[in-house]
Amino acid sequence: MRLKTYGFHTLIIILVIIAGIFLGTLGLDIATTSNYPNLSFAPAPVYSTNESGETYGSALYATSLETEPDLISARGVDGTLGYVRKVDLNGEMPETPEQALAEMRRWAGKVRQIPLYDVDGKTVIGVFNVGTENRIEVLEVTN
């Protein structure tokens, strides 16, 4: 009888340990999963504002074109840190897929230069290349 009780207690302990491992793994998975697997549901970033009322900062956490700042942090061709205007960077948005393809063909392999501004959005401090020579960098410009 004592042997049967001992075996039953061992079985219970093993089942509790297995359940603990399972629940712990499940809890870790829930804790490490992003709250916003689809960035379109994430809250829009909050940006600083310059004296002209324009927002500025990194577009890294923008969830869409609409949530990008007016002035996006960038590094100019000579290494100068500054900002490019969102409208200059993105250009006019095509209205049809055909227009989009035509624009892509027009700029294929070409580089377009746009002004690099100081945080005031008025003072031009350099040039930024838009096109095939760009590398994506995470820049944090502080003033």
Foldseek 3Di string as FASTA:
>chain_A
DVVVVVVVVVVVVVVVVVVVVVVVVVVVVVVPDDPCPQLVPPDQDDFDAAPVRWGEWACPSGNDLVSGTQWHWDAAPVRDIATFGSCVQVPDDDPDPVVVVVVCVVCPPHWDKGFGAHRNVPHGDHIHIHDDVDDDDHDGDDD
